[in-house]
Amino acid sequence: MTNLGGVFGAIGLISIFYLALRPILEAVVGQFRKQGKTTPSLLKKAYRFVTKTHRYAGLVALAAIVLHFVLQFLHYGYVPAAGLAAGLLLVIQTILGIGLTRQTDKNRRSKMAKMHRVLGSLLVIAALVHRIVQK
């Protein structure tokens, strides 16, 4: 039980990095298309897989981080500020991502998608800061 919170934190961190692959792969595939080149088969398959599983990985990240939060709080009795900030960004990011799938107004959806990308970048930074600082 002692390190169980750390296991869920690691699962959350890995999930967050996996989620960050999507915009990276999107940019790489976009460059191939922009240059008129054929996208390599392996890259195309990886991009499709990451795109299909993106929402599920987000839910796994959220569940893992919630468990991480609860277990760490029960074990240590406090929550580091950097971890709380990263966790709150993940919650906002999840709500925004779910909201994107339900949005019908194209203008609003576009704004939400941009915000989702920016918050995703901030989330990766916040998770790294939490991992490095840990206090």
N, C-alpha and C. Protein backbone atom coordinates (compact mmCIF):
# COMPACT_ATOMS: atom_id res chain seq x y z
N MET A 1 0.83 -1.20 0.00
CA MET A 1 0.00 0.00 0.00
C MET A 1 0.86 1.25 0.00
N THR A 2 2.07 1.15 0.56
CA THR A 2 2.91 2.32 0.70
C THR A 2 3.18 3.02 -0.63
N ASN A 3 3.54 2.25 -1.64
CA ASN A 3 3.91 2.87 -2.91
C ASN A 3 2.80 2.81 -3.96
N LEU A 4 1.60 2.39 -3.54
CA LEU A 4 0.50 2.27 -4.49
C LEU A 4 0.14 3.62 -5.11
N GLY A 5 0.19 4.68 -4.31
CA GLY A 5 -0.07 6.03 -4.85
C GLY A 5 0.93 6.40 -5.92
N GLY A 6 2.19 5.99 -5.72
CA GLY A 6 3.23 6.26 -6.70
C GLY A 6 3.01 5.50 -8.00
N VAL A 7 2.45 4.29 -7.90
CA VAL A 7 2.15 3.49 -9.08
C VAL A 7 1.09 4.20 -9.92
N PHE A 8 0.03 4.67 -9.26
CA PHE A 8 -1.03 5.37 -9.99
C PHE A 8 -0.52 6.70 -10.54
N GLY A 9 0.38 7.35 -9.83
CA GLY A 9 0.99 8.57 -10.34
C GLY A 9 1.78 8.30 -11.61
N ALA A 10 2.51 7.18 -11.61
CA ALA A 10 3.29 6.80 -12.80
C ALA A 10 2.37 6.48 -13.98
N ILE A 11 1.28 5.77 -13.70
CA ILE A 11 0.32 5.46 -14.76
C ILE A 11 -0.25 6.75 -15.33
N GLY A 12 -0.57 7.69 -14.45
CA GLY A 12 -1.08 8.99 -14.90
C GLY A 12 -0.07 9.74 -15.74
N LEU A 13 1.18 9.75 -15.30
CA LEU A 13 2.23 10.46 -16.04
C LEU A 13 2.47 9.83 -17.41
N ILE A 14 2.51 8.52 -17.46
CA ILE A 14 2.68 7.83 -18.74
C ILE A 14 1.51 8.14 -19.66
N SER A 15 0.30 8.14 -19.10
CA SER A 15 -0.89 8.45 -19.90
C SER A 15 -0.83 9.87 -20.45
N ILE A 16 -0.37 10.80 -19.63
CA ILE A 16 -0.27 12.20 -20.07
C ILE A 16 0.73 12.33 -21.22
N PHE A 17 1.86 11.63 -21.11
CA PHE A 17 2.84 11.66 -22.20
C PHE A 17 2.26 11.01 -23.46
N TYR A 18 1.51 9.93 -23.28
CA TYR A 18 0.87 9.28 -24.42
C TYR A 18 -0.11 10.24 -25.09
N LEU A 19 -0.87 10.97 -24.29
CA LEU A 19 -1.81 11.95 -24.83
C LEU A 19 -1.10 13.06 -25.60
N ALA A 20 0.09 13.40 -25.15
CA ALA A 20 0.87 14.45 -25.81
C ALA A 20 1.39 14.00 -27.17
N LEU A 21 1.37 12.69 -27.42
CA LEU A 21 1.80 12.17 -28.72
C LEU A 21 0.88 12.60 -29.85
N ARG A 22 -0.41 12.75 -29.54
CA ARG A 22 -1.38 13.04 -30.60
C ARG A 22 -1.06 14.33 -31.36
N PRO A 23 -0.88 15.48 -30.67
CA PRO A 23 -0.57 16.69 -31.45
C PRO A 23 0.79 16.62 -32.14
N ILE A 24 1.72 15.87 -31.56
CA ILE A 24 3.03 15.72 -32.20
C ILE A 24 2.88 14.93 -33.49
N LEU A 25 2.18 13.80 -33.41
CA LEU A 25 1.95 12.99 -34.61
C LEU A 25 1.12 13.75 -35.64
N GLU A 26 0.16 14.53 -35.16
CA GLU A 26 -0.67 15.34 -36.05
C GLU A 26 0.19 16.32 -36.85
N ALA A 27 1.16 16.94 -36.16
CA ALA A 27 2.04 17.90 -36.83
C ALA A 27 2.95 17.20 -37.85
N VAL A 28 3.46 16.04 -37.49
CA VAL A 28 4.36 15.31 -38.39
C VAL A 28 3.59 14.84 -39.63
N VAL A 29 2.41 14.26 -39.43
CA VAL A 29 1.59 13.81 -40.55
C VAL A 29 1.19 15.01 -41.41
N GLY A 30 0.88 16.13 -40.76
CA GLY A 30 0.53 17.36 -41.49
C GLY A 30 1.67 17.85 -42.37
N GLN A 31 2.89 17.71 -41.91
CA GLN A 31 4.04 18.12 -42.70
C GLN A 31 4.19 17.24 -43.95
N PHE A 32 3.98 15.94 -43.78
CA PHE A 32 4.03 15.05 -44.95
C PHE A 32 2.98 15.46 -45.97
N ARG A 33 1.77 15.73 -45.50
CA ARG A 33 0.68 16.11 -46.41
C ARG A 33 0.97 17.46 -47.07
N LYS A 34 1.48 18.38 -46.29
CA LYS A 34 1.78 19.72 -46.81
C LYS A 34 2.83 19.66 -47.92
N GLN A 35 3.80 18.77 -47.77
CA GLN A 35 4.86 18.62 -48.76
C GLN A 35 4.44 17.72 -49.93
N GLY A 36 3.23 17.16 -49.83
CA GLY A 36 2.75 16.29 -50.90
C GLY A 36 3.37 14.92 -50.90
N LYS A 37 3.99 14.55 -49.80
CA LYS A 37 4.64 13.24 -49.71
C LYS A 37 3.66 12.23 -49.11
N THR A 38 3.93 10.97 -49.38
CA THR A 38 3.14 9.89 -48.80
C THR A 38 3.58 9.67 -47.36
N THR A 39 2.61 9.58 -46.47
CA THR A 39 2.91 9.32 -45.07
C THR A 39 3.33 7.86 -44.92
N PRO A 40 4.47 7.59 -44.26
CA PRO A 40 4.90 6.21 -44.07
C PRO A 40 3.81 5.38 -43.37
N SER A 41 3.68 4.14 -43.77
CA SER A 41 2.62 3.26 -43.27
C SER A 41 2.64 3.13 -41.74
N LEU A 42 3.81 2.93 -41.17
CA LEU A 42 3.91 2.78 -39.71
C LEU A 42 3.47 4.05 -38.99
N LEU A 43 3.86 5.19 -39.52
CA LEU A 43 3.47 6.47 -38.93
C LEU A 43 1.96 6.66 -39.02
N LYS A 44 1.39 6.31 -40.17
CA LYS A 44 -0.05 6.43 -40.38
C LYS A 44 -0.81 5.54 -39.39
N LYS A 45 -0.33 4.31 -39.21
CA LYS A 45 -0.97 3.38 -38.28
C LYS A 45 -0.87 3.88 -36.84
N ALA A 46 0.31 4.39 -36.48
CA ALA A 46 0.50 4.92 -35.13
C ALA A 46 -0.42 6.11 -34.88
N TYR A 47 -0.53 6.99 -35.85
CA TYR A 47 -1.39 8.17 -35.74
C TYR A 47 -2.85 7.76 -35.58
N ARG A 48 -3.29 6.82 -36.38
CA ARG A 48 -4.68 6.35 -36.28
C ARG A 48 -4.95 5.71 -34.92
N PHE A 49 -4.00 4.90 -34.44
CA PHE A 49 -4.17 4.23 -33.15
C PHE A 49 -4.24 5.25 -32.01
N VAL A 50 -3.32 6.20 -32.01
CA VAL A 50 -3.30 7.21 -30.96
C VAL A 50 -4.57 8.06 -31.01
N THR A 51 -5.03 8.39 -32.21
CA THR A 51 -6.25 9.18 -32.35
C THR A 51 -7.46 8.41 -31.83
N LYS A 52 -7.55 7.12 -32.16
CA LYS A 52 -8.68 6.30 -31.69
C LYS A 52 -8.69 6.14 -30.18
N THR A 53 -7.53 6.01 -29.57
CA THR A 53 -7.45 5.71 -28.14
C THR A 53 -7.25 6.95 -27.27
N HIS A 54 -7.19 8.12 -27.87
CA HIS A 54 -6.90 9.36 -27.14
C HIS A 54 -7.88 9.59 -25.99
N ARG A 55 -9.16 9.49 -26.25
CA ARG A 55 -10.15 9.76 -25.19
C ARG A 55 -10.07 8.74 -24.07
N TYR A 56 -9.79 7.49 -24.40
CA TYR A 56 -9.70 6.46 -23.37
C TYR A 56 -8.45 6.66 -22.51
N ALA A 57 -7.37 7.05 -23.15
CA ALA A 57 -6.15 7.33 -22.40
C ALA A 57 -6.36 8.53 -21.47
N GLY A 58 -7.15 9.49 -21.91
CA GLY A 58 -7.48 10.63 -21.06
C GLY A 58 -8.26 10.21 -19.84
N LEU A 59 -9.21 9.31 -20.03
CA LEU A 59 -9.99 8.82 -18.89
C LEU A 59 -9.13 7.98 -17.95
N VAL A 60 -8.22 7.19 -18.50
CA VAL A 60 -7.29 6.42 -17.68
C VAL A 60 -6.41 7.37 -16.87
N ALA A 61 -5.91 8.42 -17.52
CA ALA A 61 -5.08 9.40 -16.82
C ALA A 61 -5.86 10.03 -15.68
N LEU A 62 -7.08 10.42 -15.94
CA LEU A 62 -7.90 11.06 -14.90
C LEU A 62 -8.14 10.11 -13.73
N ALA A 63 -8.55 8.87 -14.03
CA ALA A 63 -8.80 7.89 -12.97
C ALA A 63 -7.54 7.62 -12.16
N ALA A 64 -6.42 7.46 -12.84
CA ALA A 64 -5.15 7.18 -12.15
C ALA A 64 -4.75 8.34 -11.26
N ILE A 65 -4.92 9.56 -11.74
CA ILE A 65 -4.52 10.72 -10.95
C ILE A 65 -5.45 10.93 -9.76
N VAL A 66 -6.73 10.66 -9.93
CA VAL A 66 -7.65 10.75 -8.79
C VAL A 66 -7.25 9.74 -7.72
N LEU A 67 -6.97 8.50 -8.13
CA LEU A 67 -6.51 7.48 -7.18
C LEU A 67 -5.18 7.88 -6.55
N HIS A 68 -4.27 8.42 -7.34
CA HIS A 68 -2.98 8.90 -6.85
C HIS A 68 -3.18 9.97 -5.78
N PHE A 69 -4.06 10.92 -6.06
CA PHE A 69 -4.37 11.99 -5.12
C PHE A 69 -4.89 11.43 -3.80
N VAL A 70 -5.89 10.55 -3.88
CA VAL A 70 -6.51 10.00 -2.68
C VAL A 70 -5.50 9.20 -1.86
N LEU A 71 -4.76 8.31 -2.52
CA LEU A 71 -3.79 7.47 -1.80
C LEU A 71 -2.65 8.29 -1.20
N GLN A 72 -2.16 9.26 -1.93
CA GLN A 72 -1.08 10.10 -1.40
C GLN A 72 -1.57 10.92 -0.20
N PHE A 73 -2.79 11.44 -0.30
CA PHE A 73 -3.35 12.22 0.81
C PHE A 73 -3.56 11.34 2.04
N LEU A 74 -4.08 10.14 1.84
CA LEU A 74 -4.29 9.23 2.98
C LEU A 74 -2.98 8.81 3.61
N HIS A 75 -1.95 8.62 2.79
CA HIS A 75 -0.66 8.15 3.31
C HIS A 75 0.16 9.29 3.95
N TYR A 76 0.24 10.44 3.28
CA TYR A 76 1.09 11.54 3.75
C TYR A 76 0.33 12.66 4.45
N GLY A 77 -0.95 12.76 4.19
CA GLY A 77 -1.75 13.79 4.86
C GLY A 77 -1.70 15.17 4.21
N TYR A 78 -1.10 15.29 3.07
CA TYR A 78 -1.06 16.57 2.35
C TYR A 78 -0.95 16.31 0.86
N VAL A 79 -1.21 17.37 0.09
CA VAL A 79 -1.08 17.29 -1.36
C VAL A 79 -0.14 18.40 -1.80
N PRO A 80 0.95 18.07 -2.50
CA PRO A 80 1.88 19.10 -2.97
C PRO A 80 1.17 20.07 -3.92
N ALA A 81 1.51 21.34 -3.83
CA ALA A 81 0.87 22.37 -4.66
C ALA A 81 1.07 22.09 -6.15
N ALA A 82 2.25 21.64 -6.53
CA ALA A 82 2.51 21.35 -7.94
C ALA A 82 1.64 20.19 -8.43
N GLY A 83 1.43 19.20 -7.58
CA GLY A 83 0.57 18.08 -7.94
C GLY A 83 -0.88 18.48 -8.03
N LEU A 84 -1.30 19.34 -7.10
CA LEU A 84 -2.67 19.82 -7.13
C LEU A 84 -2.93 20.63 -8.39
N ALA A 85 -1.97 21.48 -8.77
CA ALA A 85 -2.11 22.28 -10.00
C ALA A 85 -2.20 21.37 -11.23
N ALA A 86 -1.32 20.37 -11.30
CA ALA A 86 -1.34 19.45 -12.43
C ALA A 86 -2.65 18.66 -12.46
N GLY A 87 -3.11 18.23 -11.30
CA GLY A 87 -4.36 17.48 -11.23
C GLY A 87 -5.56 18.31 -11.66
N LEU A 88 -5.59 19.56 -11.22
CA LEU A 88 -6.69 20.44 -11.62
C LEU A 88 -6.66 20.72 -13.12
N LEU A 89 -5.48 20.89 -13.68
CA LEU A 89 -5.38 21.06 -15.14
C LEU A 89 -5.90 19.83 -15.86
N LEU A 90 -5.61 18.65 -15.32
CA LEU A 90 -6.09 17.42 -15.95
C LEU A 90 -7.61 17.33 -15.88
N VAL A 91 -8.19 17.72 -14.76
CA VAL A 91 -9.65 17.69 -14.63
C VAL A 91 -10.27 18.66 -15.64
N ILE A 92 -9.73 19.88 -15.71
CA ILE A 92 -10.25 20.87 -16.67
C ILE A 92 -10.07 20.37 -18.10
N GLN A 93 -8.93 19.79 -18.37
CA GLN A 93 -8.63 19.26 -19.70
C GLN A 93 -9.61 18.14 -20.08
N THR A 94 -9.93 17.29 -19.12
CA THR A 94 -10.88 16.20 -19.38
C THR A 94 -12.27 16.74 -19.67
N ILE A 95 -12.71 17.68 -18.86
CA ILE A 95 -14.03 18.29 -19.07
C ILE A 95 -14.08 18.97 -20.43
N LEU A 96 -13.02 19.67 -20.77
CA LEU A 96 -12.96 20.36 -22.07
C LEU A 96 -12.97 19.35 -23.22
N GLY A 97 -12.22 18.26 -23.07
CA GLY A 97 -12.17 17.24 -24.12
C GLY A 97 -13.53 16.57 -24.32
N ILE A 98 -14.21 16.27 -23.23
CA ILE A 98 -15.55 15.69 -23.33
C ILE A 98 -16.51 16.70 -23.95
N GLY A 99 -16.38 17.96 -23.55
CA GLY A 99 -17.22 19.01 -24.12
C GLY A 99 -17.01 19.19 -25.61
N LEU A 100 -15.78 18.97 -26.05
CA LEU A 100 -15.48 19.08 -27.49
C LEU A 100 -16.27 18.08 -28.31
N THR A 101 -16.43 16.89 -27.78
CA THR A 101 -17.15 15.85 -28.54
C THR A 101 -18.63 16.15 -28.64
N ARG A 102 -19.13 16.97 -27.75
CA ARG A 102 -20.57 17.29 -27.72
C ARG A 102 -20.90 18.63 -28.39
N GLN A 103 -19.88 19.37 -28.79
CA GLN A 103 -20.07 20.72 -29.33
C GLN A 103 -20.49 20.68 -30.80
N THR A 104 -21.58 21.37 -31.12
CA THR A 104 -22.06 21.40 -32.50
C THR A 104 -21.69 22.70 -33.22
N ASP A 105 -21.54 23.79 -32.48
CA ASP A 105 -21.19 25.08 -33.07
C ASP A 105 -19.71 25.05 -33.49
N LYS A 106 -19.45 25.18 -34.79
CA LYS A 106 -18.07 25.05 -35.31
C LYS A 106 -17.13 26.11 -34.76
N ASN A 107 -17.59 27.34 -34.62
CA ASN A 107 -16.75 28.41 -34.11
C ASN A 107 -16.36 28.14 -32.66
N ARG A 108 -17.34 27.76 -31.87
CA ARG A 108 -17.07 27.47 -30.46
C ARG A 108 -16.19 26.22 -30.32
N ARG A 109 -16.44 25.23 -31.15
CA ARG A 109 -15.63 24.01 -31.13
C ARG A 109 -14.17 24.30 -31.47
N SER A 110 -13.96 25.19 -32.42
CA SER A 110 -12.60 25.57 -32.81
C SER A 110 -11.87 26.25 -31.65
N LYS A 111 -12.56 27.14 -30.96
CA LYS A 111 -11.96 27.82 -29.80
C LYS A 111 -11.66 26.83 -28.68
N MET A 112 -12.59 25.91 -28.46
CA MET A 112 -12.39 24.90 -27.42
C MET A 112 -11.21 23.98 -27.78
N ALA A 113 -11.08 23.65 -29.06
CA ALA A 113 -9.98 22.78 -29.49
C ALA A 113 -8.63 23.47 -29.27
N LYS A 114 -8.56 24.76 -29.57
CA LYS A 114 -7.32 25.51 -29.33
C LYS A 114 -7.00 25.54 -27.84
N MET A 115 -8.02 25.78 -27.03
CA MET A 115 -7.81 25.81 -25.58
C MET A 115 -7.38 24.43 -25.08
N HIS A 116 -7.95 23.37 -25.65
CA HIS A 116 -7.60 22.00 -25.28
C HIS A 116 -6.12 21.72 -25.59
N ARG A 117 -5.65 22.23 -26.72
CA ARG A 117 -4.24 22.05 -27.08
C ARG A 117 -3.31 22.82 -26.15
N VAL A 118 -3.67 24.06 -25.86
CA VAL A 118 -2.84 24.89 -24.97
C VAL A 118 -2.80 24.28 -23.58
N LEU A 119 -3.97 23.90 -23.06
CA LEU A 119 -4.01 23.29 -21.73
C LEU A 119 -3.26 21.97 -21.70
N GLY A 120 -3.27 21.24 -22.81
CA GLY A 120 -2.51 20.00 -22.89
C GLY A 120 -1.02 20.24 -22.71
N SER A 121 -0.53 21.29 -23.36
CA SER A 121 0.89 21.64 -23.22
C SER A 121 1.20 22.06 -21.78
N LEU A 122 0.31 22.88 -21.22
CA LEU A 122 0.50 23.30 -19.83
C LEU A 122 0.44 22.11 -18.87
N LEU A 123 -0.42 21.15 -19.18
CA LEU A 123 -0.54 19.96 -18.34
C LEU A 123 0.76 19.15 -18.33
N VAL A 124 1.35 18.98 -19.50
CA VAL A 124 2.63 18.24 -19.57
C VAL A 124 3.69 18.95 -18.74
N ILE A 125 3.76 20.27 -18.87
CA ILE A 125 4.73 21.05 -18.10
C ILE A 125 4.45 20.93 -16.61
N ALA A 126 3.17 21.07 -16.23
CA ALA A 126 2.79 20.98 -14.81
C ALA A 126 3.11 19.60 -14.23
N ALA A 127 2.88 18.55 -15.00
CA ALA A 127 3.18 17.19 -14.53
C ALA A 127 4.69 17.01 -14.35
N LEU A 128 5.46 17.55 -15.28
CA LEU A 128 6.93 17.47 -15.14
C LEU A 128 7.43 18.26 -13.94
N VAL A 129 6.87 19.45 -13.74
CA VAL A 129 7.25 20.26 -12.58
C VAL A 129 6.91 19.52 -11.30
N HIS A 130 5.73 18.93 -11.24
CA HIS A 130 5.32 18.17 -10.06
C HIS A 130 6.28 17.01 -9.83
N ARG A 131 6.65 16.34 -10.89
CA ARG A 131 7.55 15.18 -10.76
C ARG A 131 8.94 15.61 -10.30
N ILE A 132 9.40 16.76 -10.78
CA ILE A 132 10.74 17.24 -10.41
C ILE A 132 10.75 17.85 -9.02
N VAL A 133 9.78 18.72 -8.73
CA VAL A 133 9.74 19.46 -7.45
C VAL A 133 9.27 18.56 -6.31
N GLN A 134 8.14 17.89 -6.49
CA GLN A 134 7.54 16.98 -5.52
C GLN A 134 7.32 17.58 -4.14
N LYS A 135 7.15 18.86 -4.01
CA LYS A 135 6.84 19.47 -2.71
C LYS A 135 5.86 20.59 -2.88
